PDB file of all heavy atoms in Angstrom:
ATOM      1  N   TYR A   1     -63.350 -18.655  13.928  1.00  0.00           N
ATOM      2  CA  TYR A   1     -62.826 -17.504  14.654  1.00  0.00           C
ATOM      3  C   TYR A   1     -62.415 -16.432  13.668  1.00  0.00           C
ATOM      4  O   TYR A   1     -62.275 -16.672  12.467  1.00  0.00           O
ATOM      5  CB  TYR A   1     -61.655 -17.901  15.549  1.00  0.00           C
ATOM      6  CG  TYR A   1     -60.399 -18.285  14.791  1.00  0.00           C
ATOM      7  CD1 TYR A   1     -59.367 -17.374  14.530  1.00  0.00           C
ATOM      8  CD2 TYR A   1     -60.211 -19.596  14.327  1.00  0.00           C
ATOM      9  CE1 TYR A   1     -58.243 -17.729  13.841  1.00  0.00           C
ATOM     10  CE2 TYR A   1     -59.060 -19.959  13.629  1.00  0.00           C
ATOM     11  CZ  TYR A   1     -58.084 -19.009  13.406  1.00  0.00           C
ATOM     12  OH  TYR A   1     -56.955 -19.380  12.709  1.00  0.00           O
ATOM     13  N   GLY A   2     -62.157 -15.221  14.202  1.00  0.00           N
ATOM     14  CA  GLY A   2     -61.729 -14.092  13.392  1.00  0.00           C
ATOM     15  C   GLY A   2     -62.830 -13.070  13.237  1.00  0.00           C
ATOM     16  O   GLY A   2     -64.022 -13.385  13.333  1.00  0.00           O
ATOM     17  N   GLY A   3     -62.433 -11.796  13.045  1.00  0.00           N
ATOM     18  CA  GLY A   3     -63.398 -10.738  12.899  1.00  0.00           C
ATOM     19  C   GLY A   3     -62.703  -9.421  12.660  1.00  0.00           C
ATOM     20  O   GLY A   3     -61.608  -9.357  12.093  1.00  0.00           O
ATOM     21  N   THR A   4     -63.342  -8.341  13.133  1.00  0.00           N
ATOM     22  CA  THR A   4     -62.826  -6.958  12.838  1.00  0.00           C
ATOM     23  C   THR A   4     -62.579  -6.158  14.082  1.00  0.00           C
ATOM     24  O   THR A   4     -62.358  -4.968  13.980  1.00  0.00           O
ATOM     25  CB  THR A   4     -63.877  -6.260  11.950  1.00  0.00           C
ATOM     26  OG1 THR A   4     -65.128  -6.182  12.635  1.00  0.00           O
ATOM     27  CG2 THR A   4     -64.048  -6.979  10.618  1.00  0.00           C
ATOM     28  N   ASN A   5     -62.631  -6.750  15.254  1.00  0.00           N
ATOM     29  CA  ASN A   5     -62.513  -6.014  16.532  1.00  0.00           C
ATOM     30  C   ASN A   5     -61.191  -6.308  17.214  1.00  0.00           C
ATOM     31  O   ASN A   5     -61.068  -7.299  17.966  1.00  0.00           O
ATOM     32  CB  ASN A   5     -63.664  -6.357  17.448  1.00  0.00           C
ATOM     33  CG  ASN A   5     -63.624  -5.551  18.754  1.00  0.00           C
ATOM     34  OD1 ASN A   5     -62.824  -4.599  18.871  1.00  0.00           O
ATOM     35  ND2 ASN A   5     -64.455  -5.913  19.716  1.00  0.00           N
ATOM     36  N   PRO A   6     -60.169  -5.458  17.043  1.00  0.00           N
ATOM     37  CA  PRO A   6     -58.867  -5.710  17.696  1.00  0.00           C
ATOM     38  C   PRO A   6     -58.958  -5.624  19.207  1.00  0.00           C
ATOM     39  O   PRO A   6     -58.092  -6.188  19.886  1.00  0.00           O
ATOM     40  CB  PRO A   6     -57.969  -4.631  17.108  1.00  0.00           C
ATOM     41  CG  PRO A   6     -58.890  -3.555  16.654  1.00  0.00           C
ATOM     42  CD  PRO A   6     -60.140  -4.241  16.206  1.00  0.00           C
ATOM     43  N   ASP A   7     -59.965  -4.932  19.767  1.00  0.00           N
ATOM     44  CA  ASP A   7     -60.093  -4.768  21.217  1.00  0.00           C
ATOM     45  C   ASP A   7     -61.013  -5.819  21.809  1.00  0.00           C
ATOM     46  O   ASP A   7     -61.392  -5.717  22.983  1.00  0.00           O
ATOM     47  CB  ASP A   7     -60.633  -3.386  21.533  1.00  0.00           C
ATOM     48  CG  ASP A   7     -59.725  -2.278  21.086  1.00  0.00           C
ATOM     49  OD1 ASP A   7     -58.498  -2.412  21.339  1.00  0.00           O
ATOM     50  OD2 ASP A   7     -60.187  -1.293  20.455  1.00  0.00           O
ATOM     51  N   ASP A   8     -61.322  -6.853  21.089  1.00  0.00           N
ATOM     52  CA  ASP A   8     -62.218  -7.903  21.568  1.00  0.00           C
ATOM     53  C   ASP A   8     -61.703  -8.490  22.897  1.00  0.00           C
ATOM     54  O   ASP A   8     -60.514  -8.606  23.117  1.00  0.00           O
ATOM     55  CB  ASP A   8     -62.309  -9.014  20.501  1.00  0.00           C
ATOM     56  CG  ASP A   8     -63.433  -9.981  20.763  1.00  0.00           C
ATOM     57  OD1 ASP A   8     -64.490  -9.566  21.234  1.00  0.00           O
ATOM     58  OD2 ASP A   8     -63.253 -11.177  20.475  1.00  0.00           O
ATOM     59  N   ASN A   9     -62.639  -8.838  23.771  1.00  0.00           N
ATOM     60  CA  ASN A   9     -62.267  -9.298  25.123  1.00  0.00           C
ATOM     61  C   ASN A   9     -62.831 -10.704  25.337  1.00  0.00           C
ATOM     62  O   ASN A   9     -64.038 -10.915  25.387  1.00  0.00           O
ATOM     63  CB  ASN A   9     -62.855  -8.340  26.173  1.00  0.00           C
ATOM     64  CG  ASN A   9     -62.479  -8.706  27.603  1.00  0.00           C
ATOM     65  OD1 ASN A   9     -61.909  -9.744  27.856  1.00  0.00           O
ATOM     66  ND2 ASN A   9     -62.788  -7.794  28.529  1.00  0.00           N
ATOM     67  N   SER A  10     -61.932 -11.657  25.490  1.00  0.00           N
ATOM     68  CA  SER A  10     -62.340 -13.064  25.763  1.00  0.00           C
ATOM     69  C   SER A  10     -62.159 -13.426  27.215  1.00  0.00           C
ATOM     70  O   SER A  10     -62.332 -14.594  27.575  1.00  0.00           O
ATOM     71  CB  SER A  10     -61.521 -14.025  24.880  1.00  0.00           C
ATOM     72  OG  SER A  10     -61.835 -13.832  23.500  1.00  0.00           O
ATOM     73  N   GLY A  11     -61.762 -12.449  28.068  1.00  0.00           N
ATOM     74  CA  GLY A  11     -61.651 -12.716  29.488  1.00  0.00           C
ATOM     75  C   GLY A  11     -60.249 -12.644  30.057  1.00  0.00           C
ATOM     76  O   GLY A  11     -59.430 -11.831  29.587  1.00  0.00           O
ATOM     77  N   VAL A  12     -59.950 -13.505  31.033  1.00  0.00           N
ATOM     78  CA  VAL A  12     -58.706 -13.458  31.781  1.00  0.00           C
ATOM     79  C   VAL A  12     -58.167 -14.867  32.008  1.00  0.00           C
ATOM     80  O   VAL A  12     -58.910 -15.760  32.430  1.00  0.00           O
ATOM     81  CB  VAL A  12     -58.903 -12.772  33.158  1.00  0.00           C
ATOM     82  CG1 VAL A  12     -57.591 -12.810  33.983  1.00  0.00           C
ATOM     83  CG2 VAL A  12     -59.410 -11.353  32.998  1.00  0.00           C
ATOM     84  N   LEU A  13     -56.900 -15.099  31.707  1.00  0.00           N
ATOM     85  CA  LEU A  13     -56.147 -16.245  32.188  1.00  0.00           C
ATOM     86  C   LEU A  13     -54.935 -15.686  32.934  1.00  0.00           C
ATOM     87  O   LEU A  13     -54.053 -15.086  32.313  1.00  0.00           O
ATOM     88  CB  LEU A  13     -55.670 -17.163  31.043  1.00  0.00           C
ATOM     89  CG  LEU A  13     -56.430 -18.442  30.811  1.00  0.00           C
ATOM     90  CD1 LEU A  13     -57.837 -18.154  30.359  1.00  0.00           C
ATOM     91  CD2 LEU A  13     -55.694 -19.350  29.840  1.00  0.00           C
ATOM     92  N   ARG A  14     -54.925 -15.892  34.255  1.00  0.00           N
ATOM     93  CA  ARG A  14     -53.837 -15.354  35.063  1.00  0.00           C
ATOM     94  C   ARG A  14     -53.513 -16.334  36.175  1.00  0.00           C
ATOM     95  O   ARG A  14     -54.405 -16.825  36.844  1.00  0.00           O
ATOM     96  CB  ARG A  14     -54.207 -13.971  35.615  1.00  0.00           C
ATOM     97  CG  ARG A  14     -53.106 -13.309  36.453  1.00  0.00           C
ATOM     98  CD  ARG A  14     -53.317 -11.792  36.540  1.00  0.00           C
ATOM     99  NE  ARG A  14     -54.720 -11.413  36.733  1.00  0.00           N
ATOM    100  CZ  ARG A  14     -55.190 -10.233  36.335  1.00  0.00           C
ATOM    101  NH1 ARG A  14     -54.427  -9.356  35.732  1.00  0.00           N
ATOM    102  NH2 ARG A  14     -56.454  -9.956  36.509  1.00  0.00           N
ATOM    103  N   TYR A  15     -52.242 -16.630  36.344  1.00  0.00           N
ATOM    104  CA  TYR A  15     -51.813 -17.647  37.304  1.00  0.00           C
ATOM    105  C   TYR A  15     -52.540 -18.955  36.999  1.00  0.00           C
ATOM    106  O   TYR A  15     -53.332 -19.450  37.788  1.00  0.00           O
ATOM    107  CB  TYR A  15     -51.994 -17.207  38.730  1.00  0.00           C
ATOM    108  CG  TYR A  15     -51.031 -16.136  39.158  1.00  0.00           C
ATOM    109  CD1 TYR A  15     -51.471 -14.842  39.381  1.00  0.00           C
ATOM    110  CD2 TYR A  15     -49.682 -16.388  39.299  1.00  0.00           C
ATOM    111  CE1 TYR A  15     -50.594 -13.833  39.774  1.00  0.00           C
ATOM    112  CE2 TYR A  15     -48.784 -15.402  39.652  1.00  0.00           C
ATOM    113  CZ  TYR A  15     -49.256 -14.104  39.887  1.00  0.00           C
ATOM    114  OH  TYR A  15     -48.355 -13.129  40.262  1.00  0.00           O
ATOM    115  N   VAL A  16     -52.232 -19.509  35.826  1.00  0.00           N
ATOM    116  CA  VAL A  16     -52.849 -20.746  35.320  1.00  0.00           C
ATOM    117  C   VAL A  16     -51.767 -21.703  34.859  1.00  0.00           C
ATOM    118  O   VAL A  16     -50.843 -21.296  34.148  1.00  0.00           O
ATOM    119  CB  VAL A  16     -53.831 -20.430  34.153  1.00  0.00           C
ATOM    120  CG1 VAL A  16     -54.309 -21.741  33.515  1.00  0.00           C
ATOM    121  CG2 VAL A  16     -55.030 -19.589  34.657  1.00  0.00           C
ATOM    122  N   ARG A  17     -51.916 -22.954  35.251  1.00  0.00           N
ATOM    123  CA  ARG A  17     -51.029 -24.016  34.739  1.00  0.00           C
ATOM    124  C   ARG A  17     -51.840 -24.954  33.854  1.00  0.00           C
ATOM    125  O   ARG A  17     -52.960 -25.341  34.214  1.00  0.00           O
ATOM    126  CB  ARG A  17     -50.376 -24.829  35.873  1.00  0.00           C
ATOM    127  CG  ARG A  17     -49.422 -24.018  36.725  1.00  0.00           C
ATOM    128  CD  ARG A  17     -48.396 -24.944  37.417  1.00  0.00           C
ATOM    129  NE  ARG A  17     -48.998 -26.044  38.109  1.00  0.00           N
ATOM    130  CZ  ARG A  17     -49.263 -26.103  39.426  1.00  0.00           C
ATOM    131  NH1 ARG A  17     -49.027 -25.035  40.159  1.00  0.00           N
ATOM    132  NH2 ARG A  17     -49.787 -27.190  39.966  1.00  0.00           N
ATOM    133  N   ILE A  18     -51.244 -25.332  32.726  1.00  0.00           N
ATOM    134  CA  ILE A  18     -51.898 -26.229  31.752  1.00  0.00           C
ATOM    135  C   ILE A  18     -50.924 -27.392  31.558  1.00  0.00           C
ATOM    136  O   ILE A  18     -49.881 -27.229  30.942  1.00  0.00           O
ATOM    137  CB  ILE A  18     -52.205 -25.510  30.446  1.00  0.00           C
ATOM    138  CG1 ILE A  18     -53.035 -24.263  30.672  1.00  0.00           C
ATOM    139  CG2 ILE A  18     -52.892 -26.470  29.447  1.00  0.00           C
ATOM    140  CD1 ILE A  18     -53.174 -23.354  29.453  1.00  0.00           C
ATOM    141  N   GLU A  19     -51.239 -28.560  32.101  1.00  0.00           N
ATOM    142  CA  GLU A  19     -50.283 -29.647  32.170  1.00  0.00           C
ATOM    143  C   GLU A  19     -50.745 -30.869  31.309  1.00  0.00           C
ATOM    144  O   GLU A  19     -51.948 -31.234  31.349  1.00  0.00           O
ATOM    145  CB  GLU A  19     -50.133 -30.148  33.627  1.00  0.00           C
ATOM    146  CG  GLU A  19     -49.689 -29.058  34.572  1.00  0.00           C
ATOM    147  CD  GLU A  19     -49.752 -29.454  36.036  1.00  0.00           C
ATOM    148  OE1 GLU A  19     -50.405 -30.478  36.361  1.00  0.00           O
ATOM    149  OE2 GLU A  19     -49.163 -28.762  36.876  1.00  0.00           O
ATOM    150  N   TYR A  20     -49.816 -31.450  30.544  1.00  0.00           N
ATOM    151  CA  TYR A  20     -50.069 -32.661  29.757  1.00  0.00           C
ATOM    152  C   TYR A  20     -51.151 -32.520  28.682  1.00  0.00           C
ATOM    153  O   TYR A  20     -51.873 -33.465  28.365  1.00  0.00           O
ATOM    154  CB  TYR A  20     -50.403 -33.859  30.659  1.00  0.00           C
ATOM    155  CG  TYR A  20     -49.401 -34.102  31.763  1.00  0.00           C
ATOM    156  CD1 TYR A  20     -49.674 -33.669  33.073  1.00  0.00           C
ATOM    157  CD2 TYR A  20     -48.172 -34.694  31.501  1.00  0.00           C
ATOM    158  CE1 TYR A  20     -48.770 -33.866  34.087  1.00  0.00           C
ATOM    159  CE2 TYR A  20     -47.238 -34.911  32.531  1.00  0.00           C
ATOM    160  CZ  TYR A  20     -47.556 -34.450  33.830  1.00  0.00           C
ATOM    161  OH  TYR A  20     -46.638 -34.655  34.819  1.00  0.00           O
ATOM    162  N   PRO A  21     -51.264 -31.352  28.040  1.00  0.00           N
ATOM    163  CA  PRO A  21     -52.284 -31.186  26.979  1.00  0.00           C
ATOM    164  C   PRO A  21     -51.700 -31.650  25.644  1.00  0.00           C
ATOM    165  O   PRO A  21     -50.621 -32.234  25.583  1.00  0.00           O
ATOM    166  CB  PRO A  21     -52.525 -29.691  26.983  1.00  0.00           C
ATOM    167  CG  PRO A  21     -51.151 -29.128  27.263  1.00  0.00           C
ATOM    168  CD  PRO A  21     -50.550 -30.094  28.274  1.00  0.00           C
ATOM    169  N   GLY A  22     -52.438 -31.350  24.541  1.00  0.00           N
ATOM    170  CA  GLY A  22     -51.889 -31.592  23.213  1.00  0.00           C
ATOM    171  C   GLY A  22     -52.267 -32.919  22.608  1.00  0.00           C
ATOM    172  O   GLY A  22     -51.466 -33.482  21.827  1.00  0.00           O
ATOM    173  N   ILE A  23     -53.405 -33.462  22.936  1.00  0.00           N
ATOM    174  CA  ILE A  23     -53.832 -34.744  22.373  1.00  0.00           C
ATOM    175  C   ILE A  23     -53.996 -34.631  20.875  1.00  0.00           C
ATOM    176  O   ILE A  23     -54.300 -33.580  20.339  1.00  0.00           O
ATOM    177  CB  ILE A  23     -55.129 -35.219  23.025  1.00  0.00           C
ATOM    178  CG1 ILE A  23     -55.310 -36.743  22.900  1.00  0.00           C
ATOM    179  CG2 ILE A  23     -56.357 -34.477  22.477  1.00  0.00           C
ATOM    180  CD1 ILE A  23     -56.405 -37.340  23.764  1.00  0.00           C
ATOM    181  N   ALA A  24     -53.755 -35.740  20.165  1.00  0.00           N
ATOM    182  CA  ALA A  24     -53.970 -35.763  18.696  1.00  0.00           C
ATOM    183  C   ALA A  24     -55.459 -35.933  18.429  1.00  0.00           C
ATOM    184  O   ALA A  24     -56.033 -36.999  18.705  1.00  0.00           O
ATOM    185  CB  ALA A  24     -53.166 -36.901  18.102  1.00  0.00           C
TER     186      ALA A  24
END
């Protein structure tokens, strides 16, 4: 990841729940 475009658009996450993540 990384680059030179500060206005880069990866989409939308809105009204999202993320439960029990973080596996090793």
